[in-house]
Protein backbone atom coordinates (compact mmCIF):
# COMPACT_ATOMS: atom_id res chain seq x y z
CA MET A 1 123.97 110.12 122.01
CA ASN A 2 123.68 106.36 122.52
CA THR A 3 119.91 106.54 121.97
CA TRP A 4 120.42 108.62 118.81
CA THR A 5 122.99 106.15 117.44
CA ILE A 6 120.74 103.15 118.06
CA MET A 7 117.76 104.95 116.50
CA SER A 8 119.81 105.86 113.40
CA TYR A 9 120.97 102.27 113.00
CA GLU A 10 117.40 100.99 113.37
CA LEU A 11 116.19 103.41 110.70
CA ARG A 12 118.91 102.35 108.26
CA ARG A 13 118.21 98.67 108.91
CA LEU A 14 114.47 99.07 108.30
CA LEU A 15 114.79 101.26 105.21
CA ARG A 16 117.20 98.75 103.59
CA SER A 17 114.64 95.95 103.84
CA ARG A 18 112.70 95.69 100.58
CA SER A 19 110.12 93.32 102.04
CA MET A 20 109.45 95.74 104.87
CA LEU A 21 108.98 98.63 102.46
CA LEU A 22 106.58 96.57 100.33
CA ASN A 23 104.54 95.38 103.33
CA MET A 24 104.35 98.75 105.06
CA PHE A 25 103.89 101.12 102.12
CA LEU A 26 102.70 99.27 99.00
CA LEU A 27 100.43 96.55 100.43
CA PRO A 28 98.08 98.95 102.31
CA LEU A 29 97.49 100.98 99.14
CA VAL A 30 96.79 97.84 97.10
CA LEU A 31 94.24 96.65 99.68
CA ILE A 32 92.57 100.06 99.84
CA PHE A 33 92.22 100.08 96.06
CA LEU A 34 90.91 96.49 95.81
CA LEU A 35 88.47 96.70 98.73
CA GLY A 36 87.30 100.21 97.89
CA SER A 37 86.62 99.27 94.27
CA SER A 38 85.10 95.82 94.74
CA LEU A 39 82.90 96.72 97.73
CA SER A 40 81.72 100.14 96.60
CA GLY A 41 78.26 98.64 96.04
CA VAL A 42 78.12 97.52 99.67
CA MET A 43 79.48 100.66 101.34
CA GLY A 44 78.33 103.25 98.82
CA ASN A 45 79.95 105.06 95.92
CA GLY A 46 79.23 108.65 96.85
CA LYS A 47 75.99 108.90 94.86
CA ASP A 48 72.43 109.02 96.08
CA SER A 49 70.70 105.65 95.98
CA THR A 50 67.24 105.05 94.52
CA ILE A 51 64.80 102.45 95.80
CA ALA A 52 63.31 100.20 93.13
CA PRO A 53 59.61 99.32 93.53
CA VAL A 54 59.01 95.97 95.22
CA ASN A 55 56.47 93.47 93.87
CA VAL A 56 54.52 92.36 96.94
CA GLY A 57 52.22 89.36 96.79
CA ILE A 58 49.02 90.03 98.75
CA VAL A 59 47.14 87.00 100.06
CA SER A 60 43.79 87.39 101.82
CA LEU A 61 42.77 84.45 103.97
CA SER A 62 39.13 85.37 103.32
CA GLY A 63 39.68 84.65 99.61
CA GLU A 64 38.48 88.09 98.50
CA GLY A 65 41.85 89.68 97.77
CA LEU A 66 42.39 93.34 98.62
CA ALA A 67 38.64 93.87 98.63
CA SER A 68 38.54 92.09 101.99
CA SER A 69 40.45 94.93 103.68
CA ALA A 70 39.58 98.52 102.87
CA ILE A 71 42.26 99.71 105.33
CA VAL A 72 45.12 97.89 103.58
CA ALA A 73 43.79 98.76 100.11
CA SER A 74 43.56 102.46 101.01
CA PHE A 75 47.09 102.41 102.41
CA LEU A 76 48.55 100.81 99.27
CA LYS A 77 46.84 103.41 97.05
CA THR A 78 48.61 106.28 98.84
CA PRO A 79 50.80 108.11 96.25
CA GLU A 80 53.97 107.82 98.35
CA ILE A 81 53.47 104.09 98.97
CA SER A 82 52.51 103.28 95.38
CA LYS A 83 55.96 104.47 94.28
CA ILE A 84 57.62 101.83 96.47
CA ILE A 85 55.15 98.95 96.79
CA VAL A 86 53.51 97.26 93.79
CA PRO A 87 50.70 95.01 95.17
CA ARG A 88 49.97 91.76 93.34
CA GLU A 89 46.88 89.88 94.47
CA VAL A 90 47.52 86.14 94.85
CA GLU A 91 44.88 83.49 95.48
CA SER A 92 46.70 81.35 98.06
CA ARG A 93 49.73 81.09 100.33
CA LYS A 94 51.09 78.16 98.30
CA VAL A 95 51.08 80.18 95.10
CA VAL A 96 52.74 83.21 96.66
CA GLU A 97 55.48 81.05 98.26
CA SER A 98 56.18 79.56 94.83
CA GLY A 99 56.39 83.08 93.40
CA LEU A 100 58.83 84.12 96.11
CA ARG A 101 61.10 81.18 95.33
CA SER A 102 61.05 81.94 91.60
CA GLY A 103 61.65 85.66 92.14
CA LYS A 104 58.28 86.75 90.75
CA TYR A 105 57.53 88.48 94.05
CA GLY A 106 60.02 90.24 96.28
CA TYR A 107 57.89 90.02 99.42
CA ALA A 108 54.53 88.70 100.54
CA VAL A 109 51.85 89.83 103.01
CA VAL A 110 49.08 87.63 104.35
CA ILE A 111 45.95 89.51 105.51
CA PRO A 112 43.83 87.80 108.20
CA ALA A 113 40.17 87.24 107.33
CA ASN A 114 38.92 89.59 110.06
CA PHE A 115 41.61 92.29 109.81
CA ASP A 116 39.31 95.32 109.35
CA SER A 117 36.73 94.21 111.91
CA GLU A 118 39.47 93.52 114.48
CA VAL A 119 40.97 96.99 114.01
CA GLN A 120 37.59 98.74 114.08
CA SER A 121 36.68 96.98 117.31
CA GLY A 122 39.85 98.28 119.01
CA GLY A 123 42.02 95.18 118.60
CA ALA A 124 45.68 95.05 117.56
CA ALA A 125 46.51 95.25 113.87
CA LYS A 126 48.41 92.12 112.76
CA LEU A 127 49.72 90.97 109.38
CA GLU A 128 51.83 87.99 108.39
CA TYR A 129 54.99 88.58 106.36
CA ILE A 130 56.80 86.09 104.11
CA LEU A 131 60.34 87.12 103.16
CA GLY A 132 61.67 86.95 99.62
CA LYS A 133 65.11 86.21 98.22
CA ASP A 134 66.44 89.77 98.06
CA ARG A 135 67.61 91.37 101.30
CA THR A 136 66.95 94.92 100.07
CA ASP A 137 63.38 94.11 99.02
CA ASN A 138 62.74 92.53 102.40
CA MET A 139 64.08 95.58 104.19
CA VAL A 140 62.11 98.09 102.10
CA ALA A 141 58.77 96.26 102.17
CA GLY A 142 59.18 95.24 105.80
CA THR A 143 59.83 98.84 106.83
CA VAL A 144 56.73 100.06 104.95
CA PHE A 145 54.35 97.51 106.45
CA ASP A 146 55.90 97.72 109.93
CA ASN A 147 55.29 101.47 109.93
CA PHE A 148 51.75 100.90 108.69
CA LEU A 149 50.95 98.57 111.60
CA SER A 150 52.78 100.74 114.12
CA ASN A 151 50.75 103.76 113.06
CA ILE A 152 47.45 101.89 113.40
CA ASN A 153 48.33 100.41 116.78
CA ALA A 154 49.56 103.78 118.07
CA LYS A 155 46.23 105.37 117.13
CA GLN A 156 44.40 102.48 118.79
CA ALA A 157 46.33 103.07 122.01
CA VAL A 158 45.64 106.83 121.94
CA ALA A 159 41.93 106.25 121.37
CA LEU A 160 41.71 103.75 124.22
CA MET A 161 43.60 105.93 126.70
CA LEU A 162 42.44 109.46 125.77
CA GLY A 163 39.30 108.90 123.74
CA PRO A 164 38.52 109.31 120.02
CA GLU A 165 38.65 113.12 120.24
CA ALA A 166 42.41 112.91 120.90
CA LEU A 167 42.94 111.48 117.41
CA THR A 168 41.13 114.43 115.85
CA ALA A 169 43.25 116.91 117.81
CA ALA A 170 46.48 115.14 116.86
CA ALA A 171 45.54 115.05 113.17
CA THR A 172 44.79 118.81 113.21
CA THR A 173 48.11 119.64 114.89
CA SER A 174 50.31 117.49 112.68
CA GLY A 175 48.68 118.43 109.42
CA ASP A 176 50.26 121.89 109.26
CA HIS A 177 53.89 120.80 108.89
CA ALA A 178 56.00 118.01 107.41
CA LEU A 179 56.76 115.15 109.76
CA VAL A 180 59.93 114.16 107.92
CA THR A 181 62.78 116.25 106.56
CA LEU A 182 65.03 114.63 103.97
CA GLY A 183 68.75 115.27 103.94
CA LYS A 184 72.19 113.71 103.71
CA LEU A 185 74.13 112.24 106.58
CA SER A 186 77.23 114.10 105.45
CA GLU A 187 75.46 117.40 104.78
CA GLY A 188 78.07 120.12 104.49
CA GLY A 189 80.96 117.69 104.13
CA ALA A 190 82.41 115.23 101.66
CA THR A 191 80.56 112.14 100.54
CA TYR A 192 81.18 108.96 102.49
CA THR A 193 82.53 106.22 100.19
CA ALA A 194 83.85 102.68 100.40
CA SER A 195 87.35 103.95 99.59
CA GLN A 196 87.23 106.25 102.62
CA PHE A 197 86.03 103.45 104.90
CA TYR A 198 88.69 100.96 103.83
CA ALA A 199 91.42 103.61 103.73
CA VAL A 200 90.81 104.19 107.45
CA SER A 201 90.44 100.52 108.39
CA MET A 202 93.52 99.37 106.44
CA MET A 203 95.67 102.22 107.73
CA LEU A 204 94.76 101.40 111.34
CA MET A 205 95.31 97.68 110.78
CA PHE A 206 98.80 98.25 109.35
CA LEU A 207 99.63 100.67 112.15
CA LEU A 208 98.82 97.82 114.53
CA TYR A 209 101.01 95.54 112.43
CA SER A 210 103.90 97.94 113.02
CA GLY A 211 104.16 96.19 116.37
CA LEU A 212 105.51 93.18 114.47
CA THR A 213 108.48 95.32 113.45
CA VAL A 214 109.16 96.04 117.11
CA THR A 215 108.96 92.33 117.93
CA SER A 216 111.36 91.41 115.11
CA SER A 217 113.83 94.07 116.19
CA LEU A 218 113.80 92.95 119.82
CA PHE A 219 114.20 89.26 119.08
CA ASN A 220 116.77 89.71 116.29
CA GLU A 221 119.30 91.03 118.81
CA LYS A 222 118.76 87.95 120.97
CA GLU A 223 118.79 85.39 118.16
CA ASN A 224 121.85 86.95 116.50
CA HIS A 225 123.61 86.99 119.91
CA THR A 226 124.42 90.69 119.61
CA LEU A 227 122.43 91.79 122.63
CA PHE A 228 125.08 90.50 125.06
CA ARG A 229 127.81 92.46 123.27
CA ILE A 230 125.69 95.61 123.24
CA ASN A 231 125.01 95.25 126.96
CA SER A 232 128.77 94.87 127.59
CA MET A 233 129.28 98.37 126.17
CA PRO A 234 128.55 101.59 128.07
CA VAL A 235 124.96 101.49 126.84
CA LYS A 236 122.04 101.37 129.24
CA GLY A 237 119.22 98.95 128.57
CA SER A 238 116.74 101.82 128.53
CA GLN A 239 118.79 103.62 125.86
CA LEU A 240 118.77 100.53 123.66
CA PHE A 241 115.07 100.03 124.18
CA ILE A 242 114.10 103.67 123.54
CA GLY A 243 116.36 103.90 120.47
CA LYS A 244 114.71 100.91 118.88
CA MET A 245 111.20 102.22 119.65
CA LEU A 246 112.02 105.64 118.16
CA GLY A 247 113.39 104.06 114.98
CA VAL A 248 110.30 101.92 114.45
CA GLY A 249 108.02 104.80 115.45
CA ILE A 250 109.54 107.18 112.87
CA VAL A 251 109.12 104.61 110.09
CA SER A 252 105.49 104.05 111.18
CA ILE A 253 104.84 107.81 111.02
CA PHE A 254 106.26 107.86 107.47
CA GLN A 255 103.98 104.92 106.65
CA CYS A 256 100.95 106.74 108.01
CA VAL A 257 101.69 109.96 106.11
CA ALA A 258 102.35 108.01 102.90
CA ILE A 259 99.03 106.14 103.14
CA ILE A 260 97.10 109.37 103.74
CA LEU A 261 98.75 111.35 100.95
CA LEU A 262 98.93 108.60 98.31
CA SER A 263 95.34 107.43 98.90
CA HIS A 264 94.22 111.04 98.54
CA TRP A 265 96.20 111.63 95.33
CA PHE A 266 95.55 108.30 93.62
CA PHE A 267 92.09 107.25 94.90
CA GLY A 268 90.56 110.61 95.81
CA VAL A 269 90.10 109.74 99.49
CA ASP A 270 89.02 112.82 101.44
CA TRP A 271 90.47 112.61 104.97
CA GLY A 272 88.54 115.62 106.28
CA ASN A 273 89.65 119.09 107.27
CA ARG A 274 91.56 118.32 110.52
CA PRO A 275 95.01 117.04 109.44
CA GLY A 276 96.61 117.81 112.81
CA LEU A 277 94.00 115.86 114.74
CA LEU A 278 94.21 113.02 112.21
CA LEU A 279 97.98 112.70 112.72
CA LEU A 280 97.49 112.83 116.49
CA PHE A 281 95.16 109.82 116.33
CA CYS A 282 97.70 108.00 114.17
CA LEU A 283 100.52 108.80 116.60
CA ILE A 284 98.52 107.46 119.55
CA MET A 285 97.74 104.29 117.58
CA ILE A 286 101.46 103.81 116.83
CA ILE A 287 102.39 104.20 120.50
CA ALA A 288 99.60 101.84 121.57
CA SER A 289 100.65 99.27 118.97
CA MET A 290 104.31 99.36 119.99
CA THR A 291 103.58 99.16 123.72
CA LEU A 292 101.20 96.22 123.18
CA SER A 293 103.87 94.42 121.16
CA ILE A 294 106.49 95.13 123.81
CA ILE A 295 104.32 93.53 126.50
CA ILE A 296 103.76 90.43 124.38
CA SER A 297 107.43 90.20 123.34
CA LEU A 298 108.77 90.49 126.88
CA PHE A 299 106.69 87.52 128.03
CA SER A 300 107.20 85.36 124.91
CA LYS A 301 109.93 82.76 124.63
CA ASN A 302 110.62 83.19 120.91
CA MET A 303 109.83 85.49 117.99
CA ALA A 304 107.46 83.05 116.25
CA GLY A 305 105.17 82.84 119.28
CA ALA A 306 105.12 86.61 119.78
CA ARG A 307 104.39 87.29 116.11
CA SER A 308 101.54 84.78 116.12
CA VAL A 309 99.91 86.36 119.16
CA ILE A 310 100.24 89.89 117.75
CA THR A 311 98.86 88.83 114.36
CA VAL A 312 95.83 87.11 115.89
CA ILE A 313 95.07 90.09 118.16
CA THR A 314 95.37 92.52 115.24
CA VAL A 315 93.05 90.50 112.98
CA ILE A 316 90.46 90.02 115.75
CA MET A 317 90.46 93.71 116.71
CA THR A 318 90.15 94.77 113.06
CA PHE A 319 87.24 92.40 112.48
CA ILE A 320 85.13 93.09 115.58
CA SER A 321 85.60 96.84 115.16
CA GLY A 322 83.96 96.55 111.72
CA GLY A 323 87.14 97.24 109.77
CA MET A 324 86.97 94.21 107.45
CA ALA A 325 83.25 94.30 106.64
CA PRO A 326 80.33 96.48 107.77
CA LEU A 327 78.79 94.99 110.92
CA PRO A 328 75.58 95.90 112.79
CA ASP A 329 76.04 99.09 114.81
CA SER A 330 74.84 97.45 118.01
CA TRP A 331 77.49 94.73 117.68
CA VAL A 332 80.31 97.12 116.75
CA ASN A 333 79.48 99.59 119.51
CA SER A 334 79.33 96.89 122.19
CA VAL A 335 82.04 94.29 121.46
CA GLY A 336 84.07 96.56 119.18
CA ALA A 337 84.36 99.21 121.91
CA TYR A 338 87.02 97.02 123.58
CA THR A 339 89.43 97.48 120.66
CA LEU A 340 91.89 100.21 119.75
CA ASN A 341 90.61 100.32 116.18
CA HIS A 342 87.06 101.19 117.21
CA TRP A 343 87.84 104.51 118.88
CA ALA A 344 90.29 105.68 116.23
CA MET A 345 88.18 104.51 113.29
CA GLN A 346 84.94 106.11 114.46
CA ALA A 347 86.71 109.41 115.11
CA ILE A 348 88.49 109.51 111.74
CA LEU A 349 85.27 108.63 109.90
CA ARG A 350 83.58 111.54 111.68
CA MET A 351 86.42 113.79 110.55
CA MET A 352 85.73 112.69 106.99
CA LEU A 353 82.11 113.78 107.46
CA HIS A 354 83.33 117.13 108.86
CA SER A 355 81.75 116.51 112.25
CA GLY A 356 82.30 118.90 115.15
CA LEU A 357 85.00 118.53 117.78
CA SER A 358 82.39 117.56 120.38
CA GLU A 359 81.86 114.28 118.47
CA ILE A 360 85.59 113.55 118.05
CA LEU A 361 87.29 114.55 121.31
CA PRO A 362 85.59 111.86 123.47
CA ASN A 363 87.17 109.20 121.24
CA LEU A 364 90.53 110.94 121.60
CA GLY A 365 90.17 110.85 125.38
CA VAL A 366 89.31 107.14 125.48
CA LEU A 367 92.09 106.20 123.06
CA SER A 368 94.62 108.26 125.04
CA LEU A 369 93.55 106.51 128.25
CA ILE A 370 93.97 103.08 126.64
CA CYS A 371 97.40 104.12 125.35
CA LEU A 372 98.41 105.34 128.82
CA VAL A 373 97.36 102.02 130.38
CA LEU A 374 99.33 100.04 127.77
CA PHE A 375 102.36 102.29 128.18
CA SER A 376 102.27 101.83 131.97
CA ALA A 377 101.92 98.06 131.54
CA ALA A 378 104.87 97.99 129.13
CA PHE A 379 107.02 100.04 131.56
CA ILE A 380 106.17 97.73 134.47
CA SER A 381 106.81 94.65 132.32
CA TYR A 382 110.20 95.98 131.26
CA LYS A 383 111.16 96.67 134.87
CA LYS A 384 110.06 93.20 135.89
CA VAL A 385 111.32 91.08 132.99
CA GLY A 386 114.04 93.23 131.46
CA TYR A 387 115.60 92.98 128.00
CA HIS A 388 118.64 90.72 128.00
CA GLU A 389 120.02 87.46 126.61
């Protein structure tokens, strides 16, 4: 009954605070709308993208243009390549560099004078690339020419190791079927959009910020000098502690449900077809956030210091997990794997793409283990430090 009374009081106190309601319920939706709308060109808008042809300046060090390399000229005349790469013969490196700076060319390739003879004699195929101003053009053209060289060098290696007849056999085998099948990453599910990405990242960030509410509640009793009076009553310290955690936890659950439903109704965010599993991930994040805040609060001397530490940790975890801006996968999956956000975010994004349980449950296991460790640490810290004046 004591725990229930303290929880009820905590709920009333939180729900009377207008600033708390604005920060926990309105601010996440505003950020989801602003980030999802302004960064839809970066993350995607749910529509298939088309690749614009890239003007590529071709410089031959022999001074003969494309005529100096029949191999490169034949490759650029391929129907599939001609849709992506538009070759422009340029007389010198200086001219092509000037064209790259002015935007006339999106990319440049320098062909060595002895390119064909080097390849025909069994040597490695090498080209020089000069990047342009546009990142997309660099990526498209670079991928095309990298694959071109990789294909030539792979054939050279096969011919050296197995003999020229191996190339004939490989060509006969691979000519009967397509080597590439086109499709969508989210085949069978909803389209992945910027609004979905930022809805997940902002929800997880604000669930972590719910720990600040725990910190404020714990320190308010000390600073208002009411904790001593509460402890003088027939109320156990554990009852007070659990009641406060339940009150904050219930408000955080309401916050989570509100973000999911309102973002779906107002912004069309599709959260996938596993609502029970989605809420389970949110519940684990709430518990992890509160236990982390408890640990920090118990060892902090004042509320300002505890809030600063929690805020910094939350911002850092959100950033390195890729929640603020898309980061390279290798970076997110290495450094970001040490954050709470990473495991929850990757799992929820897979739910949005209607992935199977085999791709989601490992994240649930890791996140549950992290939560268990934090809960144990919070319990030990409470036993050691206690909650008193």
